[in-house]
C-alpha atoms as a PDB file:
ATOM      1  CA  MET A   1       2.147  16.055   0.005  1.00  0.00           C
ATOM      2  CA  LYS A   2       0.189  16.670  -3.158  1.00  0.00           C
ATOM      3  CA  HIS A   3       0.969  14.393  -6.107  1.00  0.00           C
ATOM      4  CA  THR A   4       2.485  16.730  -8.696  1.00  0.00           C
ATOM      5  CA  ALA A   5       3.829  14.234 -11.252  1.00  0.00           C
ATOM      6  CA  PRO A   6       1.937  13.630 -14.491  1.00  0.00           C
ATOM      7  CA  GLN A   7      -0.639  10.818 -14.538  1.00  0.00           C
ATOM      8  CA  GLY A   8       1.114   7.444 -14.574  1.00  0.00           C
ATOM      9  CA  TYR A   9       4.386   8.725 -13.097  1.00  0.00           C
ATOM     10  CA  THR A  10       5.702   8.592  -9.533  1.00  0.00           C
ATOM     11  CA  SER A  11       7.048  11.557  -7.590  1.00  0.00           C
ATOM     12  CA  VAL A  12      10.584  10.169  -7.690  1.00  0.00           C
ATOM     13  CA  ALA A  13      11.849   8.473 -10.841  1.00  0.00           C
ATOM     14  CA  PRO A  14      15.077   6.535 -11.313  1.00  0.00           C
ATOM     15  CA  TRP A  15      17.413   7.477 -14.171  1.00  0.00           C
ATOM     16  CA  VAL A  16      19.802   4.920 -15.602  1.00  0.00           C
ATOM     17  CA  VAL A  17      22.741   6.081 -17.711  1.00  0.00           C
ATOM     18  CA  THR A  18      24.239   3.307 -19.800  1.00  0.00           C
ATOM     19  CA  ASP A  19      26.350   2.622 -22.865  1.00  0.00           C
ATOM     20  CA  ASP A  20      23.438   0.912 -24.644  1.00  0.00           C
ATOM     21  CA  THR A  21      20.027   2.199 -23.579  1.00  0.00           C
ATOM     22  CA  GLY A  22      18.254   0.258 -26.323  1.00  0.00           C
ATOM     23  CA  ALA A  23      19.672  -3.004 -25.005  1.00  0.00           C
ATOM     24  CA  LEU A  24      18.845  -1.928 -21.425  1.00  0.00           C
ATOM     25  CA  LEU A  25      15.196  -1.370 -22.397  1.00  0.00           C
ATOM     26  CA  ASP A  26      15.169  -4.798 -24.073  1.00  0.00           C
ATOM     27  CA  PHE A  27      16.684  -6.377 -20.935  1.00  0.00           C
ATOM     28  CA  ILE A  28      14.091  -4.787 -18.631  1.00  0.00           C
ATOM     29  CA  THR A  29      11.302  -5.941 -20.951  1.00  0.00           C
ATOM     30  CA  ALA A  30      12.583  -9.532 -20.937  1.00  0.00           C
ATOM     31  CA  ALA A  31      13.645  -9.723 -17.285  1.00  0.00           C
ATOM     32  CA  PHE A  32      10.896  -7.793 -15.517  1.00  0.00           C
ATOM     33  CA  ALA A  33       8.013  -7.580 -18.027  1.00  0.00           C
ATOM     34  CA  GLY A  34       8.698  -3.901 -18.621  1.00  0.00           C
ATOM     35  CA  GLU A  35       6.528  -1.945 -21.026  1.00  0.00           C
ATOM     36  CA  GLU A  36       8.609   0.363 -23.198  1.00  0.00           C
ATOM     37  CA  LEU A  37       7.104   3.856 -23.427  1.00  0.00           C
ATOM     38  CA  ALA A  38       9.735   5.804 -25.343  1.00  0.00           C
ATOM     39  CA  ARG A  39      13.007   5.351 -27.189  1.00  0.00           C
ATOM     40  CA  VAL A  40      14.222   8.641 -28.657  1.00  0.00           C
ATOM     41  CA  PRO A  41      17.363   8.504 -30.785  1.00  0.00           C
ATOM     42  CA  VAL A  42      19.358  11.677 -31.315  1.00  0.00           C
ATOM     43  CA  GLU A  43      21.405  12.874 -34.261  1.00  0.00           C
ATOM     44  CA  ASP A  44      24.597  11.000 -33.306  1.00  0.00           C
ATOM     45  CA  GLY A  45      22.677   7.692 -33.140  1.00  0.00           C
ATOM     46  CA  SER A  46      22.639   7.376 -29.376  1.00  0.00           C
ATOM     47  CA  ILE A  47      19.483   7.220 -27.293  1.00  0.00           C
ATOM     48  CA  GLY A  48      18.835  10.651 -25.832  1.00  0.00           C
ATOM     49  CA  HIS A  49      15.782   9.571 -23.856  1.00  0.00           C
ATOM     50  CA  GLY A  50      14.139   6.267 -23.011  1.00  0.00           C
ATOM     51  CA  GLU A  51      11.296   5.302 -20.710  1.00  0.00           C
ATOM     52  CA  ILE A  52      10.041   1.927 -19.567  1.00  0.00           C
ATOM     53  CA  ARG A  53       7.239   1.158 -17.118  1.00  0.00           C
ATOM     54  CA  VAL A  54       7.936  -1.568 -14.583  1.00  0.00           C
ATOM     55  CA  GLY A  55       4.962  -2.137 -12.327  1.00  0.00           C
ATOM     56  CA  ASP A  56       3.903   1.312 -11.121  1.00  0.00           C
ATOM     57  CA  THR A  57       7.222   3.040 -11.862  1.00  0.00           C
ATOM     58  CA  VAL A  58       8.672   4.574 -14.999  1.00  0.00           C
ATOM     59  CA  VAL A  59      12.431   4.065 -15.268  1.00  0.00           C
ATOM     60  CA  LEU A  60      14.129   6.712 -17.408  1.00  0.00           C
ATOM     61  CA  ALA A  61      17.357   6.101 -19.296  1.00  0.00           C
ATOM     62  CA  PHE A  62      19.760   7.585 -21.811  1.00  0.00           C
ATOM     63  CA  ASP A  63      23.118   6.771 -23.350  1.00  0.00           C
ATOM     64  CA  ARG A  64      26.305   7.858 -21.624  1.00  0.00           C
ATOM     65  CA  ARG A  65      28.601  10.212 -23.490  1.00  0.00           C
ATOM     66  CA  PRO A  66      32.159   8.882 -23.987  1.00  0.00           C
ATOM     67  CA  ASP A  67      33.702  11.460 -21.636  1.00  0.00           C
ATOM     68  CA  TRP A  68      31.213  10.798 -18.793  1.00  0.00           C
ATOM     69  CA  PRO A  69      32.096   8.364 -16.009  1.00  0.00           C
ATOM     70  CA  VAL A  70      30.459   4.957 -15.879  1.00  0.00           C
ATOM     71  CA  THR A  71      27.709   5.311 -13.294  1.00  0.00           C
ATOM     72  CA  PRO A  72      25.946   2.063 -12.419  1.00  0.00           C
ATOM     73  CA  SER A  73      22.502   2.370 -10.868  1.00  0.00           C
ATOM     74  CA  LEU A  74      21.234   0.543  -7.816  1.00  0.00           C
ATOM     75  CA  LEU A  75      17.557  -0.356  -8.180  1.00  0.00           C
ATOM     76  CA  ARG A  76      15.034  -2.306  -6.109  1.00  0.00           C
ATOM     77  CA  ILE A  77      12.123  -3.971  -7.851  1.00  0.00           C
ATOM     78  CA  TYR A  78       9.192  -5.568  -6.050  1.00  0.00           C
ATOM     79  CA  VAL A  79       7.795  -8.478  -8.042  1.00  0.00           C
ATOM     80  CA  PRO A  80       5.139 -11.125  -7.348  1.00  0.00           C
ATOM     81  CA  ASP A  81       7.721 -13.960  -7.343  1.00  0.00           C
ATOM     82  CA  ALA A  82      11.377 -13.082  -6.685  1.00  0.00           C
ATOM     83  CA  ASP A  83      12.597 -16.549  -7.625  1.00  0.00           C
ATOM     84  CA  ALA A  84      10.869 -16.447 -11.025  1.00  0.00           C
ATOM     85  CA  ALA A  85      11.920 -12.843 -11.708  1.00  0.00           C
ATOM     86  CA  THR A  86      15.538 -13.617 -10.824  1.00  0.00           C
ATOM     87  CA  ALA A  87      15.469 -16.601 -13.172  1.00  0.00           C
ATOM     88  CA  SER A  88      14.057 -14.338 -15.930  1.00  0.00           C
ATOM     89  CA  ALA A  89      16.759 -11.744 -15.286  1.00  0.00           C
ATOM     90  CA  VAL A  90      19.485 -14.390 -15.494  1.00  0.00           C
ATOM     91  CA  ALA A  91      17.971 -15.771 -18.699  1.00  0.00           C
ATOM     92  CA  ALA A  92      18.080 -12.203 -20.087  1.00  0.00           C
ATOM     93  CA  GLY A  93      21.801 -11.900 -19.291  1.00  0.00           C
ATOM     94  CA  ALA A  94      22.028 -10.851 -15.626  1.00  0.00           C
ATOM     95  CA  GLU A  95      24.521 -12.312 -13.162  1.00  0.00           C
ATOM     96  CA  VAL A  96      23.471 -13.266  -9.619  1.00  0.00           C
ATOM     97  CA  ILE A  97      25.274 -11.107  -7.050  1.00  0.00           C
ATOM     98  CA  THR A  98      23.350 -12.217  -3.949  1.00  0.00           C
ATOM     99  CA  GLU A  99      21.460 -15.509  -3.827  1.00  0.00           C
ATOM    100  CA  LEU A 100      17.800 -15.293  -2.869  1.00  0.00           C
ATOM    101  CA  SER A 101      16.970 -15.565   0.821  1.00  0.00           C
ATOM    102  CA  ASP A 102      14.284 -14.569   3.295  1.00  0.00           C
ATOM    103  CA  SER A 103      14.709 -11.377   5.308  1.00  0.00           C
ATOM    104  CA  ALA A 104      13.791 -10.594   8.881  1.00  0.00           C
ATOM    105  CA  TRP A 105      11.307  -7.964   7.682  1.00  0.00           C
ATOM    106  CA  GLY A 106       9.232 -10.269   5.476  1.00  0.00           C
ATOM    107  CA  ASP A 107      10.789  -9.988   2.019  1.00  0.00           C
ATOM    108  CA  ARG A 108      12.334 -12.709  -0.109  1.00  0.00           C
ATOM    109  CA  GLY A 109      14.930 -11.503  -2.524  1.00  0.00           C
ATOM    110  CA  GLY A 110      18.398 -11.348  -3.924  1.00  0.00           C
ATOM    111  CA  ARG A 111      20.484  -9.209  -6.259  1.00  0.00           C
ATOM    112  CA  VAL A 112      21.482  -9.416  -9.891  1.00  0.00           C
ATOM    113  CA  ARG A 113      23.845  -7.318 -11.970  1.00  0.00           C
ATOM    114  CA  ASP A 114      22.411  -6.619 -15.402  1.00  0.00           C
ATOM    115  CA  PRO A 115      24.627  -6.736 -18.510  1.00  0.00           C
ATOM    116  CA  PHE A 116      25.186  -2.959 -18.161  1.00  0.00           C
ATOM    117  CA  GLY A 117      26.567  -3.011 -14.606  1.00  0.00           C
ATOM    118  CA  ASN A 118      23.406  -1.946 -12.762  1.00  0.00           C
ATOM    119  CA  ILE A 119      22.516  -3.882  -9.623  1.00  0.00           C
ATOM    120  CA  TRP A 120      18.871  -4.831  -9.062  1.00  0.00           C
ATOM    121  CA  TRP A 121      17.421  -5.925  -5.731  1.00  0.00           C
ATOM    122  CA  VAL A 122      14.738  -8.396  -6.890  1.00  0.00           C
ATOM    123  CA  VAL A 123      12.274  -8.687  -4.016  1.00  0.00           C
ATOM    124  CA  SER A 124       8.863 -10.144  -3.140  1.00  0.00           C
ATOM    125  CA  ARG A 125       6.908  -9.375   0.017  1.00  0.00           C
ATOM    126  CA  VAL A 126       6.108 -12.801   1.467  1.00  0.00           C
ATOM    127  CA  GLU A 127       4.760 -11.795   4.876  1.00  0.00           C
ATOM    128  CA  GLU A 128       3.893  -8.698   6.854  1.00  0.00           C
ATOM    129  CA  VAL A 129       6.221  -8.379   9.849  1.00  0.00           C
ATOM    130  CA  ASP A 130       5.959  -5.670  12.481  1.00  0.00           C
ATOM    131  CA  PRO A 131       9.138  -3.718  13.333  1.00  0.00           C
ATOM    132  CA  GLU A 132       9.579  -5.309  16.769  1.00  0.00           C
ATOM    133  CA  THR A 133       9.484  -8.823  15.303  1.00  0.00           C
ATOM    134  CA  SER A 134      11.898  -7.762  12.554  1.00  0.00           C
ATOM    135  CA  TRP A 135      14.436  -6.593  15.137  1.00  0.00           C
ATOM    136  CA  GLN A 136      14.030  -9.816  17.134  1.00  0.00           C
ATOM    137  CA  ARG A 137      14.524 -11.896  13.992  1.00  0.00           C
ATOM    138  CA  MET A 138      17.707 -10.061  13.002  1.00  0.00           C
ATOM    139  CA  SER A 139      19.497 -11.735  15.923  1.00  0.00           C
ATOM    140  CA  GLU A 140      18.301 -15.230  14.887  1.00  0.00           C
ATOM    141  CA  PRO A 141      21.016 -17.195  13.050  1.00  0.00           C
ATOM    142  CA  PRO A 142      19.261 -17.705   9.683  1.00  0.00           C
ATOM    143  CA  TYR A 143      18.279 -14.034   9.373  1.00  0.00           C
ATOM    144  CA  ALA A 144      21.604 -12.748  10.717  1.00  0.00           C
ATOM    145  CA  GLU A 145      23.430 -14.927   8.184  1.00  0.00           C
ATOM    146  CA  SER A 146      21.189 -13.701   5.363  1.00  0.00           C
ATOM    147  CA  MET A 147      21.968 -10.085   6.319  1.00  0.00           C
ATOM    148  CA  ARG A 148      25.704 -10.821   6.515  1.00  0.00           C
ATOM    149  CA  ILE A 149      25.731 -12.434   3.090  1.00  0.00           C
ATOM    150  CA  ALA A 150      23.641  -9.595   1.601  1.00  0.00           C
ATOM    151  CA  GLN A 151      26.088  -6.985   2.902  1.00  0.00           C
ATOM    152  CA  GLU A 152      29.225  -8.897   1.910  1.00  0.00           C
ATOM    153  CA  THR A 153      28.066  -9.731  -1.618  1.00  0.00           C
ATOM    154  CA  LEU A 154      27.033  -6.135  -2.320  1.00  0.00           C
ATOM    155  CA  ASP A 155      30.290  -4.795  -0.925  1.00  0.00           C
ATOM    156  CA  ALA A 156      32.295  -7.258  -3.022  1.00  0.00           C
ATOM    157  CA  ALA A 157      30.308  -6.383  -6.155  1.00  0.00           C
ATOM    158  CA  LEU A 158      30.784  -2.631  -5.683  1.00  0.00           C
ATOM    159  CA  SER A 159      34.344  -2.605  -4.340  1.00  0.00           C
ATOM    160  CA  GLY A 160      35.838  -5.355  -6.477  1.00  0.00           C
ATOM    161  CA  ARG A 161      37.221  -7.070  -3.374  1.00  0.00           C
ATOM    162  CA  PRO A 162      37.060 -10.869  -3.485  1.00  0.00           C
ATOM    163  CA  VAL A 163      35.357 -10.898  -0.071  1.00  0.00           C
ATOM    164  CA  GLY A 164      33.076  -8.096   1.006  1.00  0.00           C
ATOM    165  CA  ILE A 165      32.700  -6.408   4.358  1.00  0.00           C
ATOM    166  CA  SER A 166      29.635  -6.654   6.583  1.00  0.00           C
ATOM    167  CA  SER A 167      28.504  -5.258   9.900  1.00  0.00           C
ATOM    168  CA  PRO A 168      25.529  -6.420  11.977  1.00  0.00           C
ATOM    169  CA  PRO A 169      22.653  -3.962  12.414  1.00  0.00           C
ATOM    170  CA  VAL A 170      22.509  -2.085  15.701  1.00  0.00           C
ATOM    171  CA  ARG A 171      19.202  -1.000  17.164  1.00  0.00           C
ATOM    172  CA  HIS A 172      19.221   2.425  18.721  1.00  0.00           C
ATOM    173  CA  ALA A 173      17.050   3.181  21.741  1.00  0.00           C
ATOM    174  CA  ASP A 174      13.775   4.774  20.696  1.00  0.00           C
END
């Protein structure tokens, strides 16, 4: 597929709608070393358009209108050091949803909820793992437990239940 986005933009871009886009841009700058590109206020004082570059991606944002539903975003960010980035996010006001752990497929990461209700998967690639090895690892106790906790903590965070629901992965025949 031909790259049709303008220079410096990816083909798919996340939009975040929040009650305080200015504060969101400040959070992303502090937590993930974002580089703010645009903050466009509109006549009523809200932010009608904001952009911030995080790594190779531009995240777009704008303020929610009072009669729109709250719509939290779910975002994954690859960083050089997931532990350090999670600590930065917490220092900037995020709450840990899922403690950091190592995955069967070679990532280390966890989840935080930013002060605006968005959930960020904060992830580092720590090793290259082929698909067959990943599937084998998923049945090993430490990786199976990590997957269970990841599913349950996300479900609890999104559903509001005190204990979330999980289900082990099932490999289909190729």
